[in-house]
Amino acid sequence: MALVGFRAPALPLPPGQYDSRQQAELIRALRLYFNLIDSLTPQQAQSYKAENFIGGTFTGDFVGDFTGGTFSGNVLGGTLSGFGLGLEVPYALLMSDQDQDSAGVTSENIVTLNQIILSDGINVENNSRITFAYPGQYLVTARFQFANRGNAAAEFEIWVKNSGTNYPLSGTRFDIPARKSGSIWSHVTANISGIFTVQADEYLEFAWWSDGADVYLEHYAAGTSPTRPEIASAIVTVNFLSALPPRFVPTLPDRLVIQGAAPSLLRGTVAIPPAAGLSLQGVAPTIVIA
């Protein structure tokens, strides 16, 4: 292991004649120097460089390859390898054990999730809003148990909402047949999944609609003969996939300076010739460099 920036002590200059005090000072300086080198954690080096780090506990910024042990810090272009033991990422298993009726053929219905079975970094607020402690890319998989009590076939759609706004292209349409008899409904299990981007303070919800007033999400109690588990009306799993890319937002003073060849100025746009130099300072309108 190399101690980057490690400095040797200044040794006393030898006198013209033997001096016991000078000799003692020399031996003392050498002793302190070798004590620092022999230490398991030398304190005089600015940084430490080694070909491999194996085992132990590491804290700080990391560049290179890391195998095993415990790591806490920033990975700067390095490689982490191992079994991932102790690795924690956000996840959730959310369910509903309630029937959920339709509000009408012209109304949107929000899926409620009243059971948090497993959760780490993900929660449910207002009984329907899936919230996230960490922004990122999440894989969301959902299963809904629909039933139709009506005498006619119907269709229904399910989609995702982000903070109250419909998530683009997230809808899926299903068909459900009419009930089988006066007391036996028809059933369809709808499964959807997708990868969704969640920024800080955003939340996800599931919404559904049907053109049949008798279509609803149904929960079933545990069965007997044979013993069977409950059937949830909704099951949602959420798994963290990736952090969002970092975004650089500069803090600017109160001046704008444009240097170089005279640019063409458009409303809300500054177009700069390719060979020009541009220096921006201060709070300014949105600037697009074409």
C-alpha atoms as a PDB file:
ATOM      1  CA  MET A   1       0.000   0.000   0.000  1.00  0.00           C
ATOM      2  CA  ALA A   2       1.331   3.415  -0.917  1.00  0.00           C
ATOM      3  CA  LEU A   3       0.757   6.378   1.404  1.00  0.00           C
ATOM      4  CA  VAL A   4       0.079   9.230  -0.963  1.00  0.00           C
ATOM      5  CA  GLY A   5       1.414  12.521   0.394  1.00  0.00           C
ATOM      6  CA  PHE A   6       3.143  10.862   3.356  1.00  0.00           C
ATOM      7  CA  ARG A   7       6.076  13.028   4.483  1.00  0.00           C
ATOM      8  CA  ALA A   8       9.252  11.915   6.188  1.00  0.00           C
ATOM      9  CA  PRO A   9      10.387  13.956   9.226  1.00  0.00           C
ATOM     10  CA  ALA A  10      13.123  16.556   8.931  1.00  0.00           C
ATOM     11  CA  LEU A  11      16.292  14.928  10.313  1.00  0.00           C
ATOM     12  CA  PRO A  12      18.762  17.078  12.305  1.00  0.00           C
ATOM     13  CA  LEU A  13      21.904  18.093  10.435  1.00  0.00           C
ATOM     14  CA  PRO A  14      25.083  16.429  11.675  1.00  0.00           C
ATOM     15  CA  PRO A  15      27.535  18.683  13.541  1.00  0.00           C
ATOM     16  CA  GLY A  16      31.249  18.866  12.784  1.00  0.00           C
ATOM     17  CA  GLN A  17      32.033  16.732  15.827  1.00  0.00           C
ATOM     18  CA  TYR A  18      30.177  13.962  17.592  1.00  0.00           C
ATOM     19  CA  ASP A  19      27.333  15.294  19.734  1.00  0.00           C
ATOM     20  CA  SER A  20      25.344  12.907  21.912  1.00  0.00           C
ATOM     21  CA  ARG A  21      22.347  15.249  21.980  1.00  0.00           C
ATOM     22  CA  GLN A  22      22.278  15.463  18.189  1.00  0.00           C
ATOM     23  CA  GLN A  23      22.528  11.668  17.980  1.00  0.00           C
ATOM     24  CA  ALA A  24      19.636  11.284  20.419  1.00  0.00           C
ATOM     25  CA  GLU A  25      17.510  13.704  18.390  1.00  0.00           C
ATOM     26  CA  LEU A  26      18.276  11.742  15.217  1.00  0.00           C
ATOM     27  CA  ILE A  27      17.302   8.424  16.807  1.00  0.00           C
ATOM     28  CA  ARG A  28      14.129   9.995  18.244  1.00  0.00           C
ATOM     29  CA  ALA A  29      13.100  11.369  14.828  1.00  0.00           C
ATOM     30  CA  LEU A  30      13.700   8.004  13.144  1.00  0.00           C
ATOM     31  CA  ARG A  31      11.746   6.195  15.888  1.00  0.00           C
ATOM     32  CA  LEU A  32       8.729   8.470  15.413  1.00  0.00           C
ATOM     33  CA  TYR A  33       8.924   8.022  11.639  1.00  0.00           C
ATOM     34  CA  PHE A  34       8.935   4.220  11.794  1.00  0.00           C
ATOM     35  CA  ASN A  35       6.195   4.236  14.429  1.00  0.00           C
ATOM     36  CA  LEU A  36       3.980   6.091  11.949  1.00  0.00           C
ATOM     37  CA  ILE A  37       4.764   3.627   9.172  1.00  0.00           C
ATOM     38  CA  ASP A  38       4.150   0.619  11.431  1.00  0.00           C
ATOM     39  CA  SER A  39       0.753   1.956  12.559  1.00  0.00           C
ATOM     40  CA  LEU A  40      -2.313   0.182  11.102  1.00  0.00           C
ATOM     41  CA  THR A  41      -3.896   3.584  10.498  1.00  0.00           C
ATOM     42  CA  PRO A  42      -1.194   6.160   9.750  1.00  0.00           C
ATOM     43  CA  GLN A  43      -2.536   9.656  10.388  1.00  0.00           C
ATOM     44  CA  GLN A  44       0.106  11.678   8.536  1.00  0.00           C
ATOM     45  CA  ALA A  45      -0.770  10.614   4.964  1.00  0.00           C
ATOM     46  CA  GLN A  46      -3.100  12.670   2.802  1.00  0.00           C
ATOM     47  CA  SER A  47      -4.518   9.531   1.143  1.00  0.00           C
ATOM     48  CA  TYR A  48      -3.828   5.819   0.729  1.00  0.00           C
ATOM     49  CA  LYS A  49      -3.478   3.893  -2.506  1.00  0.00           C
ATOM     50  CA  ALA A  50      -3.539   0.104  -2.950  1.00  0.00           C
ATOM     51  CA  GLU A  51      -4.059  -2.333  -5.801  1.00  0.00           C
ATOM     52  CA  ASN A  52      -6.813  -4.255  -3.952  1.00  0.00           C
ATOM     53  CA  PHE A  53      -9.036  -3.772  -0.925  1.00  0.00           C
ATOM     54  CA  ILE A  54     -10.280  -7.083   0.536  1.00  0.00           C
ATOM     55  CA  GLY A  55     -12.575  -7.383   3.543  1.00  0.00           C
ATOM     56  CA  GLY A  56     -12.922  -4.977   6.432  1.00  0.00           C
ATOM     57  CA  THR A  57     -14.989  -1.801   6.540  1.00  0.00           C
ATOM     58  CA  PHE A  58     -14.511   1.102   4.152  1.00  0.00           C
ATOM     59  CA  THR A  59     -15.950   4.633   4.444  1.00  0.00           C
ATOM     60  CA  GLY A  60     -15.380   7.439   1.958  1.00  0.00           C
ATOM     61  CA  ASP A  61     -15.228   8.065  -1.769  1.00  0.00           C
ATOM     62  CA  PHE A  62     -14.150   5.072  -3.793  1.00  0.00           C
ATOM     63  CA  VAL A  63     -12.421   4.752  -7.177  1.00  0.00           C
ATOM     64  CA  GLY A  64     -11.473   1.319  -8.465  1.00  0.00           C
ATOM     65  CA  ASP A  65     -12.605  -2.218  -7.594  1.00  0.00           C
ATOM     66  CA  PHE A  66     -14.101  -3.258  -4.273  1.00  0.00           C
ATOM     67  CA  THR A  67     -14.641  -6.879  -3.202  1.00  0.00           C
ATOM     68  CA  GLY A  68     -16.403  -7.977  -0.028  1.00  0.00           C
ATOM     69  CA  GLY A  69     -16.505  -6.228   3.318  1.00  0.00           C
ATOM     70  CA  THR A  70     -18.740  -3.271   4.172  1.00  0.00           C
ATOM     71  CA  PHE A  71     -18.783  -0.148   2.031  1.00  0.00           C
ATOM     72  CA  SER A  72     -20.212   3.281   2.835  1.00  0.00           C
ATOM     73  CA  GLY A  73     -19.462   6.180   0.516  1.00  0.00           C
ATOM     74  CA  ASN A  74     -19.497   7.230  -3.133  1.00  0.00           C
ATOM     75  CA  VAL A  75     -18.490   4.949  -5.989  1.00  0.00           C
ATOM     76  CA  LEU A  76     -16.723   7.051  -8.628  1.00  0.00           C
ATOM     77  CA  GLY A  77     -16.485   4.911 -11.732  1.00  0.00           C
ATOM     78  CA  GLY A  78     -15.485   1.797  -9.774  1.00  0.00           C
ATOM     79  CA  THR A  79     -16.834  -1.740  -9.637  1.00  0.00           C
ATOM     80  CA  LEU A  80     -18.526  -3.382  -6.658  1.00  0.00           C
ATOM     81  CA  SER A  81     -18.596  -7.181  -6.678  1.00  0.00           C
ATOM     82  CA  GLY A  82     -19.859  -9.720  -4.176  1.00  0.00           C
ATOM     83  CA  PHE A  83     -23.091 -11.330  -2.972  1.00  0.00           C
ATOM     84  CA  GLY A  84     -24.820  -8.077  -1.987  1.00  0.00           C
ATOM     85  CA  LEU A  85     -25.359  -9.284   1.578  1.00  0.00           C
ATOM     86  CA  GLY A  86     -26.737  -6.420   3.660  1.00  0.00           C
ATOM     87  CA  LEU A  87     -27.739  -4.409   0.595  1.00  0.00           C
ATOM     88  CA  GLU A  88     -31.029  -2.536   1.113  1.00  0.00           C
ATOM     89  CA  VAL A  89     -33.202  -1.032  -1.622  1.00  0.00           C
ATOM     90  CA  PRO A  90     -36.746   0.380  -1.369  1.00  0.00           C
ATOM     91  CA  TYR A  91     -39.585  -2.122  -1.884  1.00  0.00           C
ATOM     92  CA  ALA A  92     -43.207  -2.642  -0.934  1.00  0.00           C
ATOM     93  CA  LEU A  93     -46.001  -5.220  -1.027  1.00  0.00           C
ATOM     94  CA  LEU A  94     -49.387  -3.480  -0.752  1.00  0.00           C
ATOM     95  CA  MET A  95     -52.877  -5.021  -0.717  1.00  0.00           C
ATOM     96  CA  SER A  96     -56.561  -4.332  -0.249  1.00  0.00           C
ATOM     97  CA  ASP A  97     -58.942  -6.626   1.657  1.00  0.00           C
ATOM     98  CA  GLN A  98     -62.017  -4.562   0.781  1.00  0.00           C
ATOM     99  CA  ASP A  99     -64.623  -4.562  -1.999  1.00  0.00           C
ATOM    100  CA  GLN A 100     -64.323  -1.418  -4.133  1.00  0.00           C
ATOM    101  CA  ASP A 101     -67.446  -0.375  -6.031  1.00  0.00           C
ATOM    102  CA  SER A 102     -67.659   1.783  -9.115  1.00  0.00           C
ATOM    103  CA  ALA A 103     -68.667   5.420  -8.712  1.00  0.00           C
ATOM    104  CA  GLY A 104     -70.549   5.268 -12.027  1.00  0.00           C
ATOM    105  CA  VAL A 105     -69.972   4.814 -15.747  1.00  0.00           C
ATOM    106  CA  THR A 106     -68.785   8.418 -16.144  1.00  0.00           C
ATOM    107  CA  SER A 107     -66.578   8.498 -13.058  1.00  0.00           C
ATOM    108  CA  GLU A 108     -62.954   7.714 -12.279  1.00  0.00           C
ATOM    109  CA  ASN A 109     -62.320   5.262  -9.438  1.00  0.00           C
ATOM    110  CA  ILE A 110     -59.144   5.366  -7.330  1.00  0.00           C
ATOM    111  CA  VAL A 111     -57.852   2.006  -6.063  1.00  0.00           C
ATOM    112  CA  THR A 112     -57.403   1.921  -2.293  1.00  0.00           C
ATOM    113  CA  LEU A 113     -54.649  -0.078  -0.584  1.00  0.00           C
ATOM    114  CA  ASN A 114     -55.401  -0.514   3.109  1.00  0.00           C
ATOM    115  CA  GLN A 115     -52.866  -3.258   3.891  1.00  0.00           C
ATOM    116  CA  ILE A 116     -49.093  -2.611   3.928  1.00  0.00           C
ATOM    117  CA  ILE A 117     -47.675  -6.129   4.059  1.00  0.00           C
ATOM    118  CA  LEU A 118     -44.005  -5.283   3.433  1.00  0.00           C
ATOM    119  CA  SER A 119     -42.393  -1.879   3.119  1.00  0.00           C
ATOM    120  CA  ASP A 120     -38.986  -0.214   3.152  1.00  0.00           C
ATOM    121  CA  GLY A 121     -38.761   3.369   1.895  1.00  0.00           C
ATOM    122  CA  ILE A 122     -42.264   3.186   0.368  1.00  0.00           C
ATOM    123  CA  ASN A 123     -45.543   4.027   2.098  1.00  0.00           C
ATOM    124  CA  VAL A 124     -49.255   4.584   1.426  1.00  0.00           C
ATOM    125  CA  GLU A 125     -50.907   7.893   2.281  1.00  0.00           C
ATOM    126  CA  ASN A 126     -54.603   8.832   2.080  1.00  0.00           C
ATOM    127  CA  ASN A 127     -55.314   5.094   1.627  1.00  0.00           C
ATOM    128  CA  SER A 128     -54.330   5.217  -2.075  1.00  0.00           C
ATOM    129  CA  ARG A 129     -51.198   7.326  -2.663  1.00  0.00           C
ATOM    130  CA  ILE A 130     -47.994   5.306  -2.985  1.00  0.00           C
ATOM    131  CA  THR A 131     -45.238   7.586  -1.682  1.00  0.00           C
ATOM    132  CA  PHE A 132     -41.470   7.231  -2.000  1.00  0.00           C
ATOM    133  CA  ALA A 133     -38.722   8.235   0.405  1.00  0.00           C
ATOM    134  CA  TYR A 134     -36.231   8.286  -2.482  1.00  0.00           C
ATOM    135  CA  PRO A 135     -36.720   9.540  -6.054  1.00  0.00           C
ATOM    136  CA  GLY A 136     -35.801   7.051  -8.763  1.00  0.00           C
ATOM    137  CA  GLN A 137     -36.981   4.504 -11.308  1.00  0.00           C
ATOM    138  CA  TYR A 138     -39.392   1.920  -9.872  1.00  0.00           C
ATOM    139  CA  LEU A 139     -40.839  -1.319 -11.238  1.00  0.00           C
ATOM    140  CA  VAL A 140     -44.528  -1.438 -10.300  1.00  0.00           C
ATOM    141  CA  THR A 141     -46.562  -4.622 -10.752  1.00  0.00           C
ATOM    142  CA  ALA A 142     -50.261  -4.843  -9.891  1.00  0.00           C
ATOM    143  CA  ARG A 143     -53.015  -7.469  -9.883  1.00  0.00           C
ATOM    144  CA  PHE A 144     -56.710  -6.541  -9.583  1.00  0.00           C
ATOM    145  CA  GLN A 145     -59.597  -8.950  -8.977  1.00  0.00           C
ATOM    146  CA  PHE A 146     -62.623  -7.646 -10.941  1.00  0.00           C
ATOM    147  CA  ALA A 147     -66.144  -9.022 -10.761  1.00  0.00           C
ATOM    148  CA  ASN A 148     -69.293  -8.331 -12.820  1.00  0.00           C
ATOM    149  CA  ARG A 149     -72.706  -8.631 -11.180  1.00  0.00           C
ATOM    150  CA  GLY A 150     -74.534  -7.357 -14.271  1.00  0.00           C
ATOM    151  CA  ASN A 151     -76.478  -9.246 -16.936  1.00  0.00           C
ATOM    152  CA  ALA A 152     -74.363  -7.735 -19.737  1.00  0.00           C
ATOM    153  CA  ALA A 153     -70.688  -7.980 -20.627  1.00  0.00           C
ATOM    154  CA  ALA A 154     -68.659  -4.912 -19.833  1.00  0.00           C
ATOM    155  CA  GLU A 155     -65.244  -3.407 -20.348  1.00  0.00           C
ATOM    156  CA  PHE A 156     -62.954  -1.637 -17.918  1.00  0.00           C
ATOM    157  CA  GLU A 157     -59.678   0.264 -18.053  1.00  0.00           C
ATOM    158  CA  ILE A 158     -56.851   0.664 -15.519  1.00  0.00           C
ATOM    159  CA  TRP A 159     -54.170   3.344 -15.551  1.00  0.00           C
ATOM    160  CA  VAL A 160     -51.556   5.022 -13.343  1.00  0.00           C
ATOM    161  CA  LYS A 161     -51.659   8.575 -12.017  1.00  0.00           C
ATOM    162  CA  ASN A 162     -48.623  10.563 -10.910  1.00  0.00           C
ATOM    163  CA  SER A 163     -49.484  13.125  -8.224  1.00  0.00           C
ATOM    164  CA  GLY A 164     -53.035  13.405  -9.532  1.00  0.00           C
ATOM    165  CA  THR A 165     -52.137  13.535 -13.250  1.00  0.00           C
ATOM    166  CA  ASN A 166     -52.656  10.633 -15.636  1.00  0.00           C
ATOM    167  CA  TYR A 167     -49.336   8.953 -16.435  1.00  0.00           C
ATOM    168  CA  PRO A 168     -48.923   8.990 -20.255  1.00  0.00           C
ATOM    169  CA  LEU A 169     -49.631   5.698 -22.085  1.00  0.00           C
ATOM    170  CA  SER A 170     -50.215   3.818 -18.827  1.00  0.00           C
ATOM    171  CA  GLY A 171     -53.776   2.641 -19.574  1.00  0.00           C
ATOM    172  CA  THR A 172     -54.868  -0.950 -20.317  1.00  0.00           C
ATOM    173  CA  ARG A 173     -58.356  -2.135 -21.381  1.00  0.00           C
ATOM    174  CA  PHE A 174     -60.007  -5.425 -20.412  1.00  0.00           C
ATOM    175  CA  ASP A 175     -63.319  -7.164 -21.137  1.00  0.00           C
ATOM    176  CA  ILE A 176     -65.410  -9.024 -18.555  1.00  0.00           C
ATOM    177  CA  PRO A 177     -68.368 -11.296 -19.423  1.00  0.00           C
ATOM    178  CA  ALA A 178     -71.838 -11.073 -17.917  1.00  0.00           C
ATOM    179  CA  ARG A 179     -72.586 -12.865 -14.670  1.00  0.00           C
ATOM    180  CA  LYS A 180     -73.055 -16.629 -14.867  1.00  0.00           C
ATOM    181  CA  SER A 181     -76.330 -16.723 -12.953  1.00  0.00           C
ATOM    182  CA  GLY A 182     -78.397 -14.713 -10.510  1.00  0.00           C
ATOM    183  CA  SER A 183     -75.970 -15.488  -7.675  1.00  0.00           C
ATOM    184  CA  ILE A 184     -72.675 -16.328  -9.420  1.00  0.00           C
ATOM    185  CA  TRP A 185     -70.701 -13.403 -10.801  1.00  0.00           C
ATOM    186  CA  SER A 186     -68.142 -13.480 -13.584  1.00  0.00           C
ATOM    187  CA  HIS A 187     -64.525 -12.666 -12.750  1.00  0.00           C
ATOM    188  CA  VAL A 188     -61.424 -11.325 -14.486  1.00  0.00           C
ATOM    189  CA  THR A 189     -57.965 -10.858 -13.017  1.00  0.00           C
ATOM    190  CA  ALA A 190     -56.217  -7.818 -14.510  1.00  0.00           C
ATOM    191  CA  ASN A 191     -52.428  -7.704 -14.329  1.00  0.00           C
ATOM    192  CA  ILE A 192     -50.365  -4.679 -15.329  1.00  0.00           C
ATOM    193  CA  SER A 193     -46.748  -3.609 -14.802  1.00  0.00           C
ATOM    194  CA  GLY A 194     -44.395  -0.827 -15.809  1.00  0.00           C
ATOM    195  CA  ILE A 195     -41.324   1.193 -14.917  1.00  0.00           C
ATOM    196  CA  PHE A 196     -42.180   4.624 -13.556  1.00  0.00           C
ATOM    197  CA  THR A 197     -40.044   7.668 -12.828  1.00  0.00           C
ATOM    198  CA  VAL A 198     -40.742   9.266  -9.456  1.00  0.00           C
ATOM    199  CA  GLN A 199     -39.291  12.633  -8.538  1.00  0.00           C
ATOM    200  CA  ALA A 200     -39.027  13.998  -4.995  1.00  0.00           C
ATOM    201  CA  ASP A 201     -42.441  14.536  -3.318  1.00  0.00           C
ATOM    202  CA  GLU A 202     -44.352  12.739  -6.107  1.00  0.00           C
ATOM    203  CA  TYR A 203     -46.744   9.832  -5.565  1.00  0.00           C
ATOM    204  CA  LEU A 204     -48.415   7.156  -7.691  1.00  0.00           C
ATOM    205  CA  GLU A 205     -52.024   5.966  -7.703  1.00  0.00           C
ATOM    206  CA  PHE A 206     -54.038   3.419  -9.689  1.00  0.00           C
ATOM    207  CA  ALA A 207     -57.315   4.501 -11.269  1.00  0.00           C
ATOM    208  CA  TRP A 208     -59.984   2.490 -13.110  1.00  0.00           C
ATOM    209  CA  TRP A 209     -63.195   2.991 -15.068  1.00  0.00           C
ATOM    210  CA  SER A 210     -65.879   0.689 -16.446  1.00  0.00           C
ATOM    211  CA  ASP A 211     -68.823   1.120 -18.788  1.00  0.00           C
ATOM    212  CA  GLY A 212     -70.741  -1.351 -16.609  1.00  0.00           C
ATOM    213  CA  ALA A 213     -72.262  -0.015 -13.397  1.00  0.00           C
ATOM    214  CA  ASP A 214     -72.100  -3.505 -11.828  1.00  0.00           C
ATOM    215  CA  VAL A 215     -68.349  -3.984 -12.290  1.00  0.00           C
ATOM    216  CA  TYR A 216     -66.281  -3.697  -9.119  1.00  0.00           C
ATOM    217  CA  LEU A 217     -63.117  -4.857  -7.355  1.00  0.00           C
ATOM    218  CA  GLU A 218     -63.971  -7.830  -5.162  1.00  0.00           C
ATOM    219  CA  HIS A 219     -62.346  -9.250  -2.047  1.00  0.00           C
ATOM    220  CA  TYR A 220     -63.147 -12.798  -0.970  1.00  0.00           C
ATOM    221  CA  ALA A 221     -62.900 -14.182   2.561  1.00  0.00           C
ATOM    222  CA  ALA A 222     -60.950 -17.345   3.292  1.00  0.00           C
ATOM    223  CA  GLY A 223     -62.606 -20.498   1.956  1.00  0.00           C
ATOM    224  CA  THR A 224     -63.265 -23.905   3.483  1.00  0.00           C
ATOM    225  CA  SER A 225     -63.425 -27.500   2.215  1.00  0.00           C
ATOM    226  CA  PRO A 226     -60.608 -27.236   1.332  1.00  0.00           C
ATOM    227  CA  THR A 227     -59.120 -24.410   3.375  1.00  0.00           C
ATOM    228  CA  ARG A 228     -58.232 -21.538   1.033  1.00  0.00           C
ATOM    229  CA  PRO A 229     -56.645 -18.124   1.731  1.00  0.00           C
ATOM    230  CA  GLU A 230     -58.362 -14.782   1.258  1.00  0.00           C
ATOM    231  CA  ILE A 231     -58.395 -13.216  -2.177  1.00  0.00           C
ATOM    232  CA  ALA A 232     -57.276  -9.601  -2.155  1.00  0.00           C
ATOM    233  CA  SER A 233     -59.125  -7.168  -4.383  1.00  0.00           C
ATOM    234  CA  ALA A 234     -55.792  -5.485  -5.226  1.00  0.00           C
ATOM    235  CA  ILE A 235     -52.130  -6.470  -4.859  1.00  0.00           C
ATOM    236  CA  VAL A 236     -49.339  -4.041  -5.745  1.00  0.00           C
ATOM    237  CA  THR A 237     -45.599  -4.695  -5.567  1.00  0.00           C
ATOM    238  CA  VAL A 238     -43.043  -1.903  -5.955  1.00  0.00           C
ATOM    239  CA  ASN A 239     -39.304  -2.426  -6.417  1.00  0.00           C
ATOM    240  CA  PHE A 240     -36.522   0.142  -6.730  1.00  0.00           C
ATOM    241  CA  LEU A 241     -34.572  -0.175  -9.987  1.00  0.00           C
ATOM    242  CA  SER A 242     -32.288   2.829 -10.321  1.00  0.00           C
ATOM    243  CA  ALA A 243     -31.516   6.260  -8.945  1.00  0.00           C
ATOM    244  CA  LEU A 244     -32.250   9.248 -11.146  1.00  0.00           C
ATOM    245  CA  PRO A 245     -29.283  10.830 -12.963  1.00  0.00           C
ATOM    246  CA  PRO A 246     -27.805  13.804 -11.106  1.00  0.00           C
ATOM    247  CA  ARG A 247     -28.866  17.245 -12.228  1.00  0.00           C
ATOM    248  CA  PHE A 248     -26.587  20.273 -12.025  1.00  0.00           C
ATOM    249  CA  VAL A 249     -28.479  23.415 -11.031  1.00  0.00           C
ATOM    250  CA  PRO A 250     -26.080  26.365 -10.698  1.00  0.00           C
ATOM    251  CA  THR A 251     -26.642  29.190  -8.247  1.00  0.00           C
ATOM    252  CA  LEU A 252     -26.308  32.414 -10.199  1.00  0.00           C
ATOM    253  CA  PRO A 253     -25.871  36.028  -9.089  1.00  0.00           C
ATOM    254  CA  ASP A 254     -27.947  38.840 -10.506  1.00  0.00           C
ATOM    255  CA  ARG A 255     -26.191  39.616 -13.817  1.00  0.00           C
ATOM    256  CA  LEU A 256     -26.287  38.208 -17.357  1.00  0.00           C
ATOM    257  CA  VAL A 257     -23.216  38.669 -19.584  1.00  0.00           C
ATOM    258  CA  ILE A 258     -23.003  37.338 -23.145  1.00  0.00           C
ATOM    259  CA  GLN A 259     -19.535  37.340 -24.719  1.00  0.00           C
ATOM    260  CA  GLY A 260     -18.383  36.385 -28.224  1.00  0.00           C
ATOM    261  CA  ALA A 261     -19.882  36.954 -31.647  1.00  0.00           C
ATOM    262  CA  ALA A 262     -23.160  38.843 -31.505  1.00  0.00           C
ATOM    263  CA  PRO A 263     -25.904  36.217 -31.113  1.00  0.00           C
ATOM    264  CA  SER A 264     -29.324  36.357 -32.646  1.00  0.00           C
ATOM    265  CA  LEU A 265     -31.881  37.042 -29.926  1.00  0.00           C
ATOM    266  CA  LEU A 266     -35.325  35.519 -29.925  1.00  0.00           C
ATOM    267  CA  ARG A 267     -37.971  35.767 -27.239  1.00  0.00           C
ATOM    268  CA  GLY A 268     -36.948  33.299 -24.540  1.00  0.00           C
ATOM    269  CA  THR A 269     -34.107  31.995 -26.741  1.00  0.00           C
ATOM    270  CA  VAL A 270     -30.461  32.927 -27.284  1.00  0.00           C
ATOM    271  CA  ALA A 271     -28.996  31.361 -30.442  1.00  0.00           C
ATOM    272  CA  ILE A 272     -25.171  31.369 -30.457  1.00  0.00           C
ATOM    273  CA  PRO A 273     -23.058  30.846 -33.600  1.00  0.00           C
ATOM    274  CA  PRO A 274     -20.908  27.691 -33.237  1.00  0.00           C
ATOM    275  CA  ALA A 275     -17.588  29.568 -33.035  1.00  0.00           C
ATOM    276  CA  ALA A 276     -18.748  32.073 -30.439  1.00  0.00           C
ATOM    277  CA  GLY A 277     -17.929  32.052 -26.750  1.00  0.00           C
ATOM    278  CA  LEU A 278     -20.702  32.378 -24.217  1.00  0.00           C
ATOM    279  CA  SER A 279     -20.436  33.469 -20.590  1.00  0.00           C
ATOM    280  CA  LEU A 280     -23.611  33.478 -18.503  1.00  0.00           C
ATOM    281  CA  GLN A 281     -23.792  35.095 -15.100  1.00  0.00           C
ATOM    282  CA  GLY A 282     -26.789  35.849 -12.962  1.00  0.00           C
ATOM    283  CA  VAL A 283     -30.470  35.074 -13.030  1.00  0.00           C
ATOM    284  CA  ALA A 284     -31.688  34.973 -16.622  1.00  0.00           C
ATOM    285  CA  PRO A 285     -34.625  33.720 -18.711  1.00  0.00           C
ATOM    286  CA  THR A 286     -34.574  30.189 -20.069  1.00  0.00           C
ATOM    287  CA  ILE A 287     -31.683  30.014 -22.560  1.00  0.00           C
ATOM    288  CA  VAL A 288     -31.436  27.456 -25.356  1.00  0.00           C
ATOM    289  CA  ILE A 289     -28.095  27.248 -27.193  1.00  0.00           C
ATOM    290  CA  ALA A 290     -28.741  26.109 -30.762  1.00  0.00           C
END
